[in-house]
Amino acid sequence: MKLSLKIEYACRVLAQLSRAHGTERLAHIDELAQAEAVPANYLVQILNELRNGGLINSRRGKQGGYALAKAPTEITLHDIIRIVDAEMLECSVSDKGHSGQTVREVWEKIGNTFESQVSGIKLTDMVPSDDTMYYI
């Protein structure tokens, strides 16, 4: 399966932010970029989308940074995909031609199964369970 880098990076950064959830600490872009090996300039765009989508909060200034807006158990992979790359959830198969409608129905069924699966995956499922804690 080929995912966009945008979704991959969003998942990794949100997993990193979930490690600090429940604390007062805000994560800075440079720290997030380094911890998750994501280019900082691209990360800014992703964080803006996640903020506009309601998954994270941000605060400007020297004491500013980013934090989850919800508990990691309340954020699903479906939420992330819907905000970062909603086209991934759409069926783009044409129903033209003699077989078009039937082929489209098959792909819609696959799409519905995919949506159901990603709706059941929580952000907590993407956080490594090792004892290594990265402080951001």
Protein backbone atom coordinates (compact mmCIF):
# COMPACT_ATOMS: atom_id res chain seq x y z
CA MET A 1 0.00 0.00 0.00
CA LYS A 2 1.37 3.39 -0.94
CA LEU A 3 0.63 6.19 1.50
CA SER A 4 1.45 9.81 0.99
CA LEU A 5 4.36 11.18 2.97
CA LYS A 6 1.96 13.73 4.36
CA ILE A 7 -0.13 11.05 6.11
CA GLU A 8 2.96 9.19 7.27
CA TYR A 9 4.53 12.33 8.72
CA ALA A 10 1.24 13.41 10.33
CA CYS A 11 0.90 10.03 12.05
CA ARG A 12 4.50 10.09 13.30
CA VAL A 13 4.29 13.63 14.63
CA LEU A 14 0.93 13.02 16.30
CA ALA A 15 2.36 9.87 17.90
CA GLN A 16 5.21 11.99 19.22
CA LEU A 17 2.80 14.62 20.54
CA SER A 18 0.77 11.91 22.27
CA ARG A 19 3.82 11.06 24.40
CA ALA A 20 3.55 14.50 26.03
CA HIS A 21 -0.25 14.55 26.28
CA GLY A 22 -1.48 15.45 29.73
CA THR A 23 1.59 17.50 30.58
CA GLU A 24 2.04 21.25 30.38
CA ARG A 25 4.90 20.88 27.89
CA LEU A 26 4.44 22.16 24.35
CA ALA A 27 6.49 20.70 21.52
CA HIS A 28 8.49 22.95 19.19
CA ILE A 29 8.65 22.35 15.46
CA ASP A 30 12.40 21.77 15.44
CA GLU A 31 12.16 19.18 18.22
CA LEU A 32 9.30 17.36 16.48
CA ALA A 33 11.10 17.42 13.15
CA GLN A 34 14.26 15.97 14.67
CA ALA A 35 12.50 13.33 16.79
CA GLU A 36 10.49 12.01 13.83
CA ALA A 37 12.92 12.72 10.98
CA VAL A 38 10.49 15.03 9.20
CA PRO A 39 11.63 18.12 7.26
CA ALA A 40 10.71 21.13 9.42
CA ASN A 41 9.49 23.24 6.50
CA TYR A 42 7.05 20.51 5.43
CA LEU A 43 6.05 19.86 9.03
CA VAL A 44 4.81 23.45 9.39
CA GLN A 45 2.22 22.81 6.66
CA ILE A 46 1.10 19.53 8.22
CA LEU A 47 0.81 21.05 11.69
CA ASN A 48 -1.30 23.90 10.30
CA GLU A 49 -3.69 21.40 8.71
CA LEU A 50 -3.89 19.36 11.92
CA ARG A 51 -4.56 22.55 13.91
CA ASN A 52 -7.25 23.72 11.47
CA GLY A 53 -8.77 20.22 11.67
CA GLY A 54 -8.99 20.42 15.45
CA LEU A 55 -6.50 17.67 16.33
CA ILE A 56 -3.82 19.92 17.81
CA ASN A 57 -3.54 23.27 19.54
CA SER A 58 -0.75 25.77 19.09
CA ARG A 59 0.55 28.76 20.96
CA ARG A 60 2.83 31.41 19.50
CA GLY A 61 5.87 32.94 21.05
CA LYS A 62 8.94 31.87 22.95
CA GLN A 63 6.89 29.68 25.30
CA GLY A 64 4.75 28.45 22.41
CA GLY A 65 4.53 25.16 20.63
CA TYR A 66 2.11 22.36 19.81
CA ALA A 67 0.04 19.89 21.81
CA LEU A 68 -2.81 17.48 21.13
CA ALA A 69 -6.26 19.06 21.35
CA LYS A 70 -7.79 15.72 22.37
CA ALA A 71 -6.70 12.63 24.21
CA PRO A 72 -4.79 10.16 21.98
CA THR A 73 -7.57 7.61 22.58
CA GLU A 74 -10.05 10.01 20.94
CA ILE A 75 -8.06 10.49 17.72
CA THR A 76 -8.46 7.86 15.02
CA LEU A 77 -6.48 7.19 11.88
CA HIS A 78 -9.66 8.10 10.01
CA ASP A 79 -9.56 11.57 11.62
CA ILE A 80 -5.96 12.05 10.50
CA ILE A 81 -6.62 10.90 6.92
CA ARG A 82 -9.79 13.02 6.67
CA ILE A 83 -7.83 16.14 7.64
CA VAL A 84 -4.54 15.53 5.84
CA ASP A 85 -5.54 13.64 2.67
CA ALA A 86 -9.33 13.29 2.39
CA GLU A 87 -9.06 12.16 -1.24
CA MET A 88 -7.75 8.85 0.05
CA LEU A 89 -11.25 8.16 1.40
CA GLU A 90 -13.03 8.93 -1.87
CA CYS A 91 -13.88 6.47 -4.62
CA SER A 92 -12.65 7.88 -7.91
CA VAL A 93 -13.65 4.91 -10.08
CA SER A 94 -15.92 5.84 -12.99
CA ASP A 95 -19.20 4.03 -13.52
CA LYS A 96 -19.02 4.48 -17.30
CA GLY A 97 -19.05 1.64 -19.76
CA HIS A 98 -20.75 -1.72 -19.61
CA SER A 99 -18.85 -2.92 -16.51
CA GLY A 100 -18.26 0.46 -14.91
CA GLN A 101 -21.06 0.33 -12.34
CA THR A 102 -20.11 -3.15 -11.13
CA VAL A 103 -16.41 -2.30 -10.95
CA ARG A 104 -17.23 0.90 -9.04
CA GLU A 105 -19.40 -1.05 -6.56
CA VAL A 106 -16.50 -3.43 -5.85
CA TRP A 107 -14.12 -0.53 -5.18
CA GLU A 108 -16.71 1.25 -3.05
CA LYS A 109 -17.05 -1.91 -0.95
CA ILE A 110 -13.26 -2.01 -0.52
CA GLY A 111 -13.28 1.69 0.36
CA ASN A 112 -15.99 1.15 2.98
CA THR A 113 -13.99 -1.68 4.54
CA PHE A 114 -10.89 0.52 4.57
CA GLU A 115 -12.83 3.36 6.23
CA SER A 116 -14.18 1.00 8.83
CA GLN A 117 -10.70 -0.32 9.60
CA VAL A 118 -9.02 3.09 9.92
CA SER A 119 -11.90 4.31 12.11
CA GLY A 120 -11.00 1.61 14.63
CA ILE A 121 -7.31 2.50 14.86
CA LYS A 122 -6.54 5.00 17.62
CA LEU A 123 -3.52 7.27 17.84
CA THR A 124 -2.43 5.23 20.87
CA ASP A 125 -2.04 2.24 18.53
CA MET A 126 0.70 4.13 16.67
CA VAL A 127 2.79 5.03 19.70
CA PRO A 128 5.73 2.70 20.35
CA SER A 129 5.30 0.78 23.58
CA ASP A 130 9.01 0.82 24.44
CA ASP A 131 10.25 2.45 27.62
CA THR A 132 12.29 5.03 25.74
CA MET A 133 10.75 8.43 26.31
CA TYR A 134 11.57 11.27 23.99
CA TYR A 135 11.20 14.60 25.70
CA ILE A 136 10.09 17.29 23.35
